[in-house]
Amino acid sequence: MSFANIYGHSKQIDMLQKAMAQQRVGHSYVFSGLAAIGKKTLALAFTQALNCENAVLQGDSCGECSSCRKMIHGNHPDIQMLETQAQFIRIDAIRNIQEQMTFKPLEGRRRVFLIDDADKMNEQAANALLKTLEEPSADNIIMLVTARPYWMPQTILSRCRHVRINPLAAETVARFLIEQKQMEPSKASLLASLSGGSIGQALELNSEDMITFR
């Protein structure tokens, strides 16, 4: 996933690209916003660009170099994603990240740890992560993705750069449905108007059980 493939969020993309161009990438980021509006997608695009062999020149990942191909196929050795269906993210998961952070990147410029639904961290896990954020490493970047930043400790949020993701314009959601899902424009416009600016919600609504289009 490259920045060029993302629908909307141009201001956020511009901010991240400027940080790369100026070599001022932070050691930790929080990507926050409503559910299913592209938070994790943007974080993954940023992750891919950070380790792309050609991104320094073009400000975006090329999708063709060895690093990009491994990222696309989910087997990049320097990218670790923490996702859970459990109620909480526990301290053992954070300790595993801390252990991995002691090693240098194997292939990329940075080792990236992406924690999805970061608000699920219990108190012990959050305290452990805070210690890591207080001692940043030049080789590692932590990205936290959350739809509920207000559930996270302020001590963690204050140590991260905050990328706030806004709902998409209905026109942008409709364009995605037309271009990527080959949907009829009239149906795409209706779903987009009901989506609340969320591509994920529009896709979920595209079901006979939830909407009948005539």
N, C-alpha and C. Protein backbone atom coordinates (compact mmCIF):
# COMPACT_ATOMS: atom_id res chain seq x y z
N MET A 1 0.84 -1.19 0.00
CA MET A 1 0.00 0.00 0.00
C MET A 1 0.88 1.24 0.00
N SER A 2 0.71 2.07 -1.01
CA SER A 2 1.46 3.31 -1.10
C SER A 2 0.54 4.48 -0.78
N PHE A 3 1.12 5.65 -0.52
CA PHE A 3 0.32 6.84 -0.31
C PHE A 3 -0.56 7.12 -1.53
N ALA A 4 -0.04 6.85 -2.72
CA ALA A 4 -0.76 7.15 -3.96
C ALA A 4 -2.05 6.33 -4.08
N ASN A 5 -2.12 5.20 -3.40
CA ASN A 5 -3.29 4.34 -3.48
C ASN A 5 -4.36 4.68 -2.45
N ILE A 6 -4.08 5.63 -1.60
CA ILE A 6 -5.01 5.98 -0.53
C ILE A 6 -6.02 7.01 -1.03
N TYR A 7 -7.26 6.81 -0.69
CA TYR A 7 -8.32 7.75 -1.05
C TYR A 7 -8.48 8.76 0.09
N GLY A 8 -8.29 10.04 -0.23
CA GLY A 8 -8.44 11.08 0.77
C GLY A 8 -7.22 11.22 1.68
N HIS A 9 -7.43 11.90 2.82
CA HIS A 9 -6.39 12.09 3.85
C HIS A 9 -5.15 12.78 3.30
N SER A 10 -5.33 13.71 2.38
CA SER A 10 -4.19 14.35 1.73
C SER A 10 -3.35 15.17 2.71
N LYS A 11 -3.99 15.84 3.66
CA LYS A 11 -3.23 16.65 4.63
C LYS A 11 -2.34 15.77 5.49
N GLN A 12 -2.88 14.64 5.92
CA GLN A 12 -2.10 13.74 6.76
C GLN A 12 -0.94 13.13 5.97
N ILE A 13 -1.20 12.78 4.73
CA ILE A 13 -0.13 12.23 3.88
C ILE A 13 0.96 13.26 3.67
N ASP A 14 0.56 14.49 3.42
CA ASP A 14 1.54 15.56 3.20
C ASP A 14 2.42 15.76 4.44
N MET A 15 1.82 15.69 5.61
CA MET A 15 2.57 15.84 6.86
C MET A 15 3.62 14.73 7.01
N LEU A 16 3.22 13.51 6.72
CA LEU A 16 4.13 12.37 6.85
C LEU A 16 5.24 12.43 5.81
N GLN A 17 4.89 12.82 4.59
CA GLN A 17 5.91 12.93 3.55
C GLN A 17 6.91 14.04 3.86
N LYS A 18 6.45 15.14 4.43
CA LYS A 18 7.36 16.22 4.81
C LYS A 18 8.32 15.76 5.90
N ALA A 19 7.81 14.98 6.85
CA ALA A 19 8.68 14.47 7.91
C ALA A 19 9.78 13.59 7.33
N MET A 20 9.42 12.78 6.33
CA MET A 20 10.41 11.93 5.67
C MET A 20 11.43 12.78 4.91
N ALA A 21 10.93 13.74 4.14
CA ALA A 21 11.82 14.57 3.31
C ALA A 21 12.79 15.38 4.15
N GLN A 22 12.33 15.83 5.32
CA GLN A 22 13.16 16.65 6.19
C GLN A 22 13.94 15.82 7.20
N GLN A 23 13.81 14.48 7.09
CA GLN A 23 14.47 13.56 8.02
C GLN A 23 14.13 13.88 9.47
N ARG A 24 12.84 14.13 9.68
CA ARG A 24 12.35 14.42 11.02
C ARG A 24 11.23 13.46 11.41
N VAL A 25 11.41 12.21 11.06
CA VAL A 25 10.43 11.19 11.42
C VAL A 25 10.49 10.94 12.92
N GLY A 26 9.34 10.92 13.56
CA GLY A 26 9.29 10.69 15.00
C GLY A 26 9.53 9.25 15.37
N HIS A 27 9.75 9.01 16.64
CA HIS A 27 9.97 7.63 17.10
C HIS A 27 8.66 6.95 17.48
N SER A 28 7.56 7.72 17.56
CA SER A 28 6.27 7.12 17.90
C SER A 28 5.14 7.98 17.35
N TYR A 29 4.09 7.31 16.88
CA TYR A 29 2.93 7.99 16.28
C TYR A 29 1.64 7.36 16.81
N VAL A 30 0.61 8.20 16.92
CA VAL A 30 -0.75 7.73 17.17
C VAL A 30 -1.60 8.11 15.98
N PHE A 31 -2.22 7.12 15.35
CA PHE A 31 -3.17 7.35 14.26
C PHE A 31 -4.57 7.14 14.85
N SER A 32 -5.34 8.21 14.96
CA SER A 32 -6.65 8.10 15.61
C SER A 32 -7.76 8.62 14.70
N GLY A 33 -8.94 8.10 14.93
CA GLY A 33 -10.10 8.51 14.15
C GLY A 33 -11.20 7.47 14.27
N LEU A 34 -12.35 7.75 13.69
CA LEU A 34 -13.46 6.82 13.75
C LEU A 34 -13.09 5.48 13.13
N ALA A 35 -13.86 4.46 13.45
CA ALA A 35 -13.59 3.12 12.93
C ALA A 35 -13.73 3.08 11.41
N ALA A 36 -12.85 2.33 10.78
CA ALA A 36 -12.94 2.00 9.35
C ALA A 36 -12.86 3.22 8.43
N ILE A 37 -12.04 4.22 8.80
CA ILE A 37 -11.87 5.36 7.90
C ILE A 37 -10.45 5.44 7.33
N GLY A 38 -9.63 4.42 7.60
CA GLY A 38 -8.32 4.36 6.95
C GLY A 38 -7.12 4.61 7.83
N LYS A 39 -7.28 4.50 9.14
CA LYS A 39 -6.17 4.75 10.06
C LYS A 39 -5.03 3.76 9.85
N LYS A 40 -5.37 2.48 9.91
CA LYS A 40 -4.33 1.46 9.76
C LYS A 40 -3.77 1.46 8.35
N THR A 41 -4.62 1.71 7.37
CA THR A 41 -4.15 1.77 5.98
C THR A 41 -3.09 2.86 5.82
N LEU A 42 -3.34 4.02 6.41
CA LEU A 42 -2.36 5.11 6.33
C LEU A 42 -1.09 4.76 7.08
N ALA A 43 -1.22 4.15 8.25
CA ALA A 43 -0.04 3.75 9.02
C ALA A 43 0.80 2.73 8.25
N LEU A 44 0.14 1.81 7.56
CA LEU A 44 0.87 0.81 6.78
C LEU A 44 1.55 1.44 5.57
N ALA A 45 0.89 2.40 4.94
CA ALA A 45 1.52 3.10 3.81
C ALA A 45 2.76 3.86 4.27
N PHE A 46 2.67 4.49 5.42
CA PHE A 46 3.82 5.19 6.00
C PHE A 46 4.94 4.21 6.32
N THR A 47 4.58 3.08 6.89
CA THR A 47 5.56 2.04 7.21
C THR A 47 6.28 1.56 5.96
N GLN A 48 5.52 1.33 4.89
CA GLN A 48 6.12 0.86 3.64
C GLN A 48 7.05 1.91 3.06
N ALA A 49 6.64 3.17 3.11
CA ALA A 49 7.47 4.24 2.56
C ALA A 49 8.76 4.41 3.35
N LEU A 50 8.69 4.22 4.66
CA LEU A 50 9.88 4.39 5.50
C LEU A 50 11.00 3.43 5.13
N ASN A 51 10.63 2.24 4.68
CA ASN A 51 11.64 1.24 4.37
C ASN A 51 11.82 0.98 2.88
N CYS A 52 11.05 1.69 2.04
CA CYS A 52 11.21 1.53 0.59
C CYS A 52 12.60 1.99 0.16
N GLU A 53 13.20 1.26 -0.75
CA GLU A 53 14.55 1.58 -1.22
C GLU A 53 14.57 2.83 -2.10
N ASN A 54 13.40 3.26 -2.58
CA ASN A 54 13.35 4.41 -3.48
C ASN A 54 12.56 5.59 -2.92
N ALA A 55 12.00 5.45 -1.72
CA ALA A 55 11.12 6.48 -1.19
C ALA A 55 11.83 7.79 -0.90
N VAL A 56 13.13 7.73 -0.64
CA VAL A 56 13.87 8.97 -0.35
C VAL A 56 13.79 9.93 -1.52
N LEU A 57 13.76 9.38 -2.73
CA LEU A 57 13.73 10.22 -3.93
C LEU A 57 12.32 10.68 -4.28
N GLN A 58 11.32 9.82 -4.10
CA GLN A 58 9.98 10.15 -4.59
C GLN A 58 8.96 10.41 -3.49
N GLY A 59 9.31 10.22 -2.24
CA GLY A 59 8.40 10.52 -1.15
C GLY A 59 7.29 9.51 -0.97
N ASP A 60 7.35 8.41 -1.67
CA ASP A 60 6.34 7.36 -1.55
C ASP A 60 7.00 6.03 -1.86
N SER A 61 6.39 4.97 -1.42
CA SER A 61 6.95 3.65 -1.71
C SER A 61 6.74 3.29 -3.17
N CYS A 62 7.69 2.54 -3.73
CA CYS A 62 7.63 2.21 -5.16
C CYS A 62 6.78 0.99 -5.44
N GLY A 63 6.63 0.11 -4.44
CA GLY A 63 5.85 -1.10 -4.63
C GLY A 63 6.57 -2.20 -5.37
N GLU A 64 7.82 -1.96 -5.76
CA GLU A 64 8.53 -2.93 -6.59
C GLU A 64 9.85 -3.41 -5.99
N CYS A 65 10.45 -2.62 -5.10
CA CYS A 65 11.74 -3.04 -4.53
C CYS A 65 11.53 -4.22 -3.58
N SER A 66 12.62 -4.82 -3.15
CA SER A 66 12.55 -5.98 -2.27
C SER A 66 11.79 -5.68 -0.99
N SER A 67 12.05 -4.51 -0.40
CA SER A 67 11.38 -4.15 0.85
C SER A 67 9.87 -4.01 0.64
N CYS A 68 9.47 -3.34 -0.42
CA CYS A 68 8.04 -3.16 -0.70
C CYS A 68 7.35 -4.50 -0.96
N ARG A 69 7.99 -5.36 -1.73
CA ARG A 69 7.37 -6.65 -2.03
C ARG A 69 7.16 -7.47 -0.76
N LYS A 70 8.14 -7.44 0.13
CA LYS A 70 7.99 -8.18 1.38
C LYS A 70 6.91 -7.56 2.25
N MET A 71 6.83 -6.25 2.24
CA MET A 71 5.78 -5.57 3.00
C MET A 71 4.41 -5.94 2.46
N ILE A 72 4.26 -5.93 1.15
CA ILE A 72 2.98 -6.26 0.52
C ILE A 72 2.55 -7.69 0.83
N HIS A 73 3.53 -8.60 0.88
CA HIS A 73 3.22 -10.00 1.14
C HIS A 73 3.22 -10.35 2.63
N GLY A 74 3.46 -9.36 3.46
CA GLY A 74 3.37 -9.58 4.90
C GLY A 74 4.51 -10.35 5.52
N ASN A 75 5.67 -10.37 4.87
CA ASN A 75 6.79 -11.13 5.43
C ASN A 75 8.07 -10.30 5.56
N HIS A 76 7.90 -8.99 5.80
CA HIS A 76 9.08 -8.15 6.00
C HIS A 76 9.61 -8.39 7.41
N PRO A 77 10.89 -8.72 7.56
CA PRO A 77 11.42 -9.06 8.88
C PRO A 77 11.49 -7.89 9.86
N ASP A 78 11.39 -6.67 9.35
CA ASP A 78 11.51 -5.50 10.23
C ASP A 78 10.17 -4.85 10.54
N ILE A 79 9.09 -5.49 10.12
CA ILE A 79 7.75 -4.96 10.38
C ILE A 79 6.99 -5.95 11.25
N GLN A 80 6.55 -5.50 12.40
CA GLN A 80 5.79 -6.37 13.30
C GLN A 80 4.47 -5.72 13.63
N MET A 81 3.38 -6.45 13.40
CA MET A 81 2.05 -5.95 13.72
C MET A 81 1.48 -6.70 14.90
N LEU A 82 0.90 -5.95 15.82
CA LEU A 82 0.24 -6.54 16.98
C LEU A 82 -1.26 -6.30 16.83
N GLU A 83 -1.99 -7.37 16.58
CA GLU A 83 -3.45 -7.30 16.47
C GLU A 83 -4.03 -8.37 17.38
N THR A 84 -5.16 -8.08 17.98
CA THR A 84 -5.76 -9.05 18.87
C THR A 84 -7.28 -8.98 18.80
N GLN A 85 -7.91 -10.13 18.93
CA GLN A 85 -9.36 -10.20 19.05
C GLN A 85 -9.78 -10.29 20.51
N ALA A 86 -8.79 -10.36 21.40
CA ALA A 86 -9.07 -10.46 22.83
C ALA A 86 -9.54 -9.12 23.37
N GLN A 87 -10.02 -9.14 24.60
CA GLN A 87 -10.53 -7.91 25.21
C GLN A 87 -9.40 -6.94 25.52
N PHE A 88 -8.23 -7.48 25.87
CA PHE A 88 -7.12 -6.63 26.27
C PHE A 88 -5.84 -7.02 25.54
N ILE A 89 -4.94 -6.04 25.39
CA ILE A 89 -3.55 -6.30 25.02
C ILE A 89 -2.78 -6.37 26.33
N ARG A 90 -2.11 -7.48 26.56
CA ARG A 90 -1.47 -7.70 27.85
C ARG A 90 0.03 -7.42 27.78
N ILE A 91 0.64 -7.39 28.95
CA ILE A 91 2.02 -6.97 29.07
C ILE A 91 2.98 -7.88 28.31
N ASP A 92 2.67 -9.16 28.19
CA ASP A 92 3.56 -10.08 27.48
C ASP A 92 3.76 -9.63 26.03
N ALA A 93 2.70 -9.12 25.41
CA ALA A 93 2.81 -8.66 24.02
C ALA A 93 3.74 -7.46 23.92
N ILE A 94 3.67 -6.56 24.89
CA ILE A 94 4.55 -5.39 24.89
C ILE A 94 5.98 -5.81 25.20
N ARG A 95 6.15 -6.74 26.09
CA ARG A 95 7.51 -7.23 26.39
C ARG A 95 8.15 -7.87 25.17
N ASN A 96 7.35 -8.55 24.37
CA ASN A 96 7.88 -9.13 23.14
C ASN A 96 8.38 -8.04 22.19
N ILE A 97 7.62 -6.95 22.09
CA ILE A 97 8.05 -5.82 21.28
C ILE A 97 9.35 -5.24 21.82
N GLN A 98 9.42 -5.08 23.13
CA GLN A 98 10.63 -4.53 23.75
C GLN A 98 11.85 -5.40 23.46
N GLU A 99 11.65 -6.70 23.47
CA GLU A 99 12.76 -7.61 23.17
C GLU A 99 13.21 -7.45 21.72
N GLN A 100 12.24 -7.35 20.80
CA GLN A 100 12.57 -7.18 19.39
C GLN A 100 13.28 -5.86 19.13
N MET A 101 12.99 -4.85 19.93
CA MET A 101 13.59 -3.54 19.73
C MET A 101 15.07 -3.50 20.10
N THR A 102 15.55 -4.52 20.77
CA THR A 102 16.97 -4.55 21.12
C THR A 102 17.84 -4.92 19.92
N PHE A 103 17.23 -5.41 18.85
CA PHE A 103 17.98 -5.82 17.67
C PHE A 103 17.97 -4.71 16.61
N LYS A 104 19.01 -4.66 15.83
CA LYS A 104 19.08 -3.75 14.70
C LYS A 104 18.16 -4.24 13.58
N PRO A 105 17.67 -3.34 12.72
CA PRO A 105 16.88 -3.79 11.57
C PRO A 105 17.67 -4.77 10.73
N LEU A 106 17.01 -5.80 10.25
CA LEU A 106 17.68 -6.83 9.45
C LEU A 106 17.89 -6.37 8.01
N GLU A 107 16.90 -5.70 7.45
CA GLU A 107 16.98 -5.30 6.04
C GLU A 107 16.62 -3.84 5.82
N GLY A 108 15.66 -3.33 6.53
CA GLY A 108 15.18 -1.97 6.30
C GLY A 108 15.97 -0.93 7.06
N ARG A 109 15.58 0.33 6.86
CA ARG A 109 16.20 1.43 7.60
C ARG A 109 15.67 1.50 9.02
N ARG A 110 14.41 1.17 9.19
CA ARG A 110 13.77 1.24 10.51
C ARG A 110 13.03 -0.06 10.79
N ARG A 111 12.99 -0.41 12.05
CA ARG A 111 12.13 -1.49 12.50
C ARG A 111 10.84 -0.85 13.02
N VAL A 112 9.70 -1.27 12.48
CA VAL A 112 8.42 -0.64 12.80
C VAL A 112 7.53 -1.63 13.55
N PHE A 113 6.93 -1.15 14.63
CA PHE A 113 6.00 -1.95 15.42
C PHE A 113 4.65 -1.24 15.39
N LEU A 114 3.67 -1.87 14.79
CA LEU A 114 2.34 -1.28 14.65
C LEU A 114 1.39 -2.01 15.60
N ILE A 115 0.79 -1.27 16.51
CA ILE A 115 -0.14 -1.84 17.48
C ILE A 115 -1.54 -1.36 17.13
N ASP A 116 -2.37 -2.27 16.63
CA ASP A 116 -3.74 -1.93 16.27
C ASP A 116 -4.63 -2.00 17.51
N ASP A 117 -5.67 -1.18 17.54
CA ASP A 117 -6.55 -1.10 18.72
C ASP A 117 -5.71 -0.91 19.98
N ALA A 118 -4.82 0.06 19.93
CA ALA A 118 -3.89 0.28 21.04
C ALA A 118 -4.60 0.63 22.34
N ASP A 119 -5.83 1.11 22.25
CA ASP A 119 -6.59 1.43 23.46
C ASP A 119 -6.95 0.18 24.26
N LYS A 120 -6.72 -1.01 23.69
CA LYS A 120 -6.99 -2.25 24.41
C LYS A 120 -5.90 -2.61 25.42
N MET A 121 -4.81 -1.87 25.43
CA MET A 121 -3.76 -2.19 26.39
C MET A 121 -4.28 -2.07 27.82
N ASN A 122 -4.03 -3.11 28.63
CA ASN A 122 -4.38 -2.97 30.04
C ASN A 122 -3.35 -2.10 30.74
N GLU A 123 -3.55 -1.84 32.00
CA GLU A 123 -2.69 -0.89 32.72
C GLU A 123 -1.23 -1.33 32.72
N GLN A 124 -0.99 -2.61 32.93
CA GLN A 124 0.38 -3.11 32.95
C GLN A 124 1.05 -2.95 31.59
N ALA A 125 0.32 -3.27 30.53
CA ALA A 125 0.88 -3.15 29.18
C ALA A 125 1.17 -1.69 28.85
N ALA A 126 0.25 -0.81 29.21
CA ALA A 126 0.44 0.62 28.94
C ALA A 126 1.65 1.16 29.69
N ASN A 127 1.82 0.75 30.93
CA ASN A 127 2.97 1.21 31.71
C ASN A 127 4.27 0.72 31.11
N ALA A 128 4.26 -0.52 30.61
CA ALA A 128 5.47 -1.07 29.98
C ALA A 128 5.80 -0.31 28.70
N LEU A 129 4.77 -0.01 27.91
CA LEU A 129 5.00 0.74 26.67
C LEU A 129 5.50 2.14 26.98
N LEU A 130 4.99 2.75 28.03
CA LEU A 130 5.42 4.10 28.41
C LEU A 130 6.92 4.14 28.65
N LYS A 131 7.45 3.14 29.31
CA LYS A 131 8.89 3.10 29.57
C LYS A 131 9.67 3.06 28.26
N THR A 132 9.14 2.35 27.27
CA THR A 132 9.80 2.28 25.97
C THR A 132 9.75 3.64 25.27
N LEU A 133 8.62 4.32 25.36
CA LEU A 133 8.48 5.63 24.72
C LEU A 133 9.37 6.67 25.38
N GLU A 134 9.66 6.48 26.65
CA GLU A 134 10.51 7.43 27.36
C GLU A 134 11.98 7.28 26.99
N GLU A 135 12.32 6.16 26.37
CA GLU A 135 13.71 5.91 25.96
C GLU A 135 13.73 5.56 24.47
N PRO A 136 13.44 6.54 23.60
CA PRO A 136 13.32 6.26 22.16
C PRO A 136 14.63 5.78 21.55
N SER A 137 14.48 4.95 20.52
CA SER A 137 15.62 4.43 19.78
C SER A 137 15.55 4.92 18.34
N ALA A 138 16.68 5.28 17.78
CA ALA A 138 16.72 5.80 16.41
C ALA A 138 16.34 4.74 15.38
N ASP A 139 16.50 3.47 15.73
CA ASP A 139 16.25 2.39 14.77
C ASP A 139 14.81 1.89 14.79
N ASN A 140 14.02 2.32 15.77
CA ASN A 140 12.68 1.76 15.96
C ASN A 140 11.61 2.84 15.93
N ILE A 141 10.47 2.49 15.38
CA ILE A 141 9.31 3.38 15.38
C ILE A 141 8.10 2.58 15.86
N ILE A 142 7.35 3.17 16.77
CA ILE A 142 6.12 2.56 17.27
C ILE A 142 4.94 3.34 16.71
N MET A 143 3.99 2.63 16.11
CA MET A 143 2.77 3.25 15.59
C MET A 143 1.57 2.65 16.31
N LEU A 144 0.80 3.51 16.92
CA LEU A 144 -0.40 3.10 17.65
C LEU A 144 -1.63 3.52 16.85
N VAL A 145 -2.52 2.59 16.63
CA VAL A 145 -3.75 2.86 15.87
C VAL A 145 -4.93 2.69 16.81
N THR A 146 -5.81 3.69 16.86
CA THR A 146 -6.93 3.61 17.79
C THR A 146 -8.13 4.42 17.31
N ALA A 147 -9.31 3.89 17.58
CA ALA A 147 -10.54 4.65 17.36
C ALA A 147 -11.00 5.31 18.66
N ARG A 148 -10.27 5.02 19.76
CA ARG A 148 -10.67 5.54 21.08
C ARG A 148 -9.45 6.09 21.82
N PRO A 149 -8.86 7.16 21.33
CA PRO A 149 -7.68 7.70 22.00
C PRO A 149 -7.97 8.16 23.42
N TYR A 150 -9.22 8.49 23.69
CA TYR A 150 -9.61 8.95 25.03
C TYR A 150 -9.55 7.82 26.06
N TRP A 151 -9.40 6.58 25.61
CA TRP A 151 -9.21 5.45 26.53
C TRP A 151 -7.73 5.22 26.85
N MET A 152 -6.87 5.94 26.20
CA MET A 152 -5.44 5.73 26.37
C MET A 152 -4.86 6.74 27.37
N PRO A 153 -3.83 6.34 28.11
CA PRO A 153 -3.22 7.27 29.08
C PRO A 153 -2.64 8.49 28.39
N GLN A 154 -2.86 9.64 28.98
CA GLN A 154 -2.32 10.88 28.42
C GLN A 154 -0.80 10.85 28.39
N THR A 155 -0.20 10.12 29.31
CA THR A 155 1.26 10.02 29.34
C THR A 155 1.80 9.37 28.08
N ILE A 156 1.04 8.45 27.50
CA ILE A 156 1.45 7.82 26.24
C ILE A 156 1.18 8.76 25.07
N LEU A 157 -0.01 9.33 25.03
CA LEU A 157 -0.37 10.22 23.92
C LEU A 157 0.59 11.40 23.82
N SER A 158 1.01 11.92 24.95
CA SER A 158 1.86 13.11 24.94
C SER A 158 3.26 12.83 24.42
N ARG A 159 3.64 11.57 24.35
CA ARG A 159 4.97 11.20 23.86
C ARG A 159 4.96 10.76 22.41
N CYS A 160 3.81 10.88 21.76
CA CYS A 160 3.67 10.46 20.36
C CYS A 160 3.25 11.64 19.49
N ARG A 161 3.63 11.58 18.23
CA ARG A 161 3.08 12.52 17.26
C ARG A 161 1.68 12.03 16.88
N HIS A 162 0.73 12.95 16.88
CA HIS A 162 -0.67 12.56 16.69
C HIS A 162 -1.10 12.83 15.25
N VAL A 163 -1.53 11.79 14.56
CA VAL A 163 -2.07 11.91 13.21
C VAL A 163 -3.58 11.67 13.31
N ARG A 164 -4.35 12.73 13.26
CA ARG A 164 -5.80 12.62 13.40
C ARG A 164 -6.43 12.41 12.03
N ILE A 165 -7.18 11.33 11.90
CA ILE A 165 -7.78 10.96 10.63
C ILE A 165 -9.26 11.36 10.64
N ASN A 166 -9.65 12.17 9.69
CA ASN A 166 -11.03 12.64 9.62
C ASN A 166 -11.87 11.75 8.70
N PRO A 167 -13.19 11.73 8.90
CA PRO A 167 -14.06 11.00 7.97
C PRO A 167 -13.87 11.53 6.55
N LEU A 168 -14.02 10.65 5.59
CA LEU A 168 -13.86 11.03 4.19
C LEU A 168 -15.09 11.76 3.67
N ALA A 169 -14.90 12.58 2.68
CA ALA A 169 -16.04 13.19 1.99
C ALA A 169 -16.83 12.09 1.28
N ALA A 170 -18.14 12.27 1.20
CA ALA A 170 -18.98 11.26 0.54
C ALA A 170 -18.53 11.04 -0.89
N GLU A 171 -18.07 12.09 -1.56
CA GLU A 171 -17.61 11.96 -2.94
C GLU A 171 -16.39 11.05 -3.03
N THR A 172 -15.53 11.09 -2.01
CA THR A 172 -14.34 10.24 -2.01
C THR A 172 -14.71 8.79 -1.79
N VAL A 173 -15.65 8.55 -0.88
CA VAL A 173 -16.12 7.18 -0.65
C VAL A 173 -16.76 6.62 -1.92
N ALA A 174 -17.58 7.43 -2.58
CA ALA A 174 -18.23 6.99 -3.81
C ALA A 174 -17.21 6.68 -4.90
N ARG A 175 -16.19 7.52 -4.99
CA ARG A 175 -15.16 7.29 -6.02
C ARG A 175 -14.43 5.97 -5.77
N PHE A 176 -14.16 5.66 -4.51
CA PHE A 176 -13.54 4.38 -4.18
C PHE A 176 -14.44 3.22 -4.64
N LEU A 177 -15.70 3.29 -4.33
CA LEU A 177 -16.63 2.21 -4.68
C LEU A 177 -16.73 2.03 -6.19
N ILE A 178 -16.71 3.12 -6.91
CA ILE A 178 -16.80 3.04 -8.37
C ILE A 178 -15.52 2.49 -8.98
N GLU A 179 -14.37 3.00 -8.50
CA GLU A 179 -13.09 2.64 -9.11
C GLU A 179 -12.57 1.28 -8.64
N GLN A 180 -12.78 0.96 -7.38
CA GLN A 180 -12.20 -0.26 -6.83
C GLN A 180 -13.18 -1.43 -6.75
N LYS A 181 -14.47 -1.13 -6.70
CA LYS A 181 -15.47 -2.18 -6.58
C LYS A 181 -16.39 -2.25 -7.80
N GLN A 182 -16.07 -1.43 -8.82
CA GLN A 182 -16.84 -1.41 -10.06
C GLN A 182 -18.35 -1.29 -9.79
N MET A 183 -18.70 -0.42 -8.88
CA MET A 183 -20.08 -0.23 -8.49
C MET A 183 -20.74 0.84 -9.37
N GLU A 184 -22.01 0.68 -9.63
CA GLU A 184 -22.75 1.67 -10.39
C GLU A 184 -22.73 3.00 -9.63
N PRO A 185 -22.53 4.12 -10.33
CA PRO A 185 -22.42 5.42 -9.65
C PRO A 185 -23.60 5.76 -8.75
N SER A 186 -24.81 5.44 -9.17
CA SER A 186 -25.97 5.79 -8.36
C SER A 186 -25.97 5.03 -7.04
N LYS A 187 -25.62 3.75 -7.10
CA LYS A 187 -25.56 2.95 -5.87
C LYS A 187 -24.40 3.40 -5.00
N ALA A 188 -23.27 3.70 -5.62
CA ALA A 188 -22.10 4.17 -4.87
C ALA A 188 -22.41 5.46 -4.13
N SER A 189 -23.12 6.36 -4.78
CA SER A 189 -23.46 7.64 -4.15
C SER A 189 -24.39 7.44 -2.96
N LEU A 190 -25.34 6.52 -3.09
CA LEU A 190 -26.25 6.25 -1.98
C LEU A 190 -25.50 5.67 -0.79
N LEU A 191 -24.69 4.66 -1.04
CA LEU A 191 -23.93 4.04 0.04
C LEU A 191 -22.98 5.05 0.69
N ALA A 192 -22.36 5.87 -0.13
CA ALA A 192 -21.42 6.87 0.40
C ALA A 192 -22.14 7.86 1.31
N SER A 193 -23.36 8.24 0.93
CA SER A 193 -24.11 9.21 1.73
C SER A 193 -24.53 8.64 3.08
N LEU A 194 -24.58 7.31 3.18
CA LEU A 194 -24.98 6.64 4.42
C LEU A 194 -23.78 6.16 5.24
N SER A 195 -22.59 6.33 4.71
CA SER A 195 -21.40 5.70 5.30
C SER A 195 -20.77 6.47 6.44
N GLY A 196 -21.14 7.74 6.61
CA GLY A 196 -20.49 8.54 7.64
C GLY A 196 -19.03 8.81 7.36
N GLY A 197 -18.67 8.80 6.09
CA GLY A 197 -17.28 9.06 5.71
C GLY A 197 -16.36 7.88 5.88
N SER A 198 -16.92 6.68 5.98
CA SER A 198 -16.14 5.47 6.20
C SER A 198 -16.29 4.51 5.04
N ILE A 199 -15.18 4.20 4.38
CA ILE A 199 -15.21 3.20 3.30
C ILE A 199 -15.61 1.85 3.86
N GLY A 200 -15.10 1.51 5.03
CA GLY A 200 -15.46 0.23 5.65
C GLY A 200 -16.94 0.12 5.91
N GLN A 201 -17.56 1.20 6.37
CA GLN A 201 -18.99 1.19 6.62
C GLN A 201 -19.76 1.07 5.32
N ALA A 202 -19.30 1.73 4.27
CA ALA A 202 -19.97 1.64 2.97
C ALA A 202 -19.93 0.21 2.45
N LEU A 203 -18.80 -0.46 2.62
CA LEU A 203 -18.69 -1.84 2.18
C LEU A 203 -19.60 -2.75 3.00
N GLU A 204 -19.72 -2.46 4.28
CA GLU A 204 -20.59 -3.27 5.13
C GLU A 204 -22.05 -3.06 4.77
N LEU A 205 -22.39 -1.83 4.39
CA LEU A 205 -23.76 -1.53 4.00
C LEU A 205 -24.14 -2.19 2.67
N ASN A 206 -23.15 -2.54 1.89
CA ASN A 206 -23.40 -3.13 0.58
C ASN A 206 -23.83 -4.59 0.74
N SER A 207 -24.97 -4.77 1.35
CA SER A 207 -25.49 -6.10 1.61
C SER A 207 -27.00 -6.05 1.49
N GLU A 208 -27.59 -7.06 0.91
CA GLU A 208 -29.04 -7.10 0.74
C GLU A 208 -29.75 -7.11 2.09
N ASP A 209 -29.04 -7.60 3.14
CA ASP A 209 -29.66 -7.66 4.45
C ASP A 209 -29.75 -6.28 5.10
N MET A 210 -28.89 -5.34 4.64
CA MET A 210 -28.84 -4.04 5.28
C MET A 210 -29.42 -2.93 4.41
N ILE A 211 -29.41 -3.12 3.10
CA ILE A 211 -29.93 -2.07 2.23
C ILE A 211 -30.47 -2.71 0.96
N THR A 212 -31.62 -2.27 0.54
CA THR A 212 -32.17 -2.69 -0.74
C THR A 212 -32.17 -1.49 -1.66
N PHE A 213 -31.45 -1.63 -2.75
CA PHE A 213 -31.31 -0.49 -3.67
C PHE A 213 -32.20 -0.71 -4.87
N ARG A 214 -33.01 0.30 -5.17
CA ARG A 214 -33.89 0.23 -6.34
C ARG A 214 -33.67 1.47 -7.18
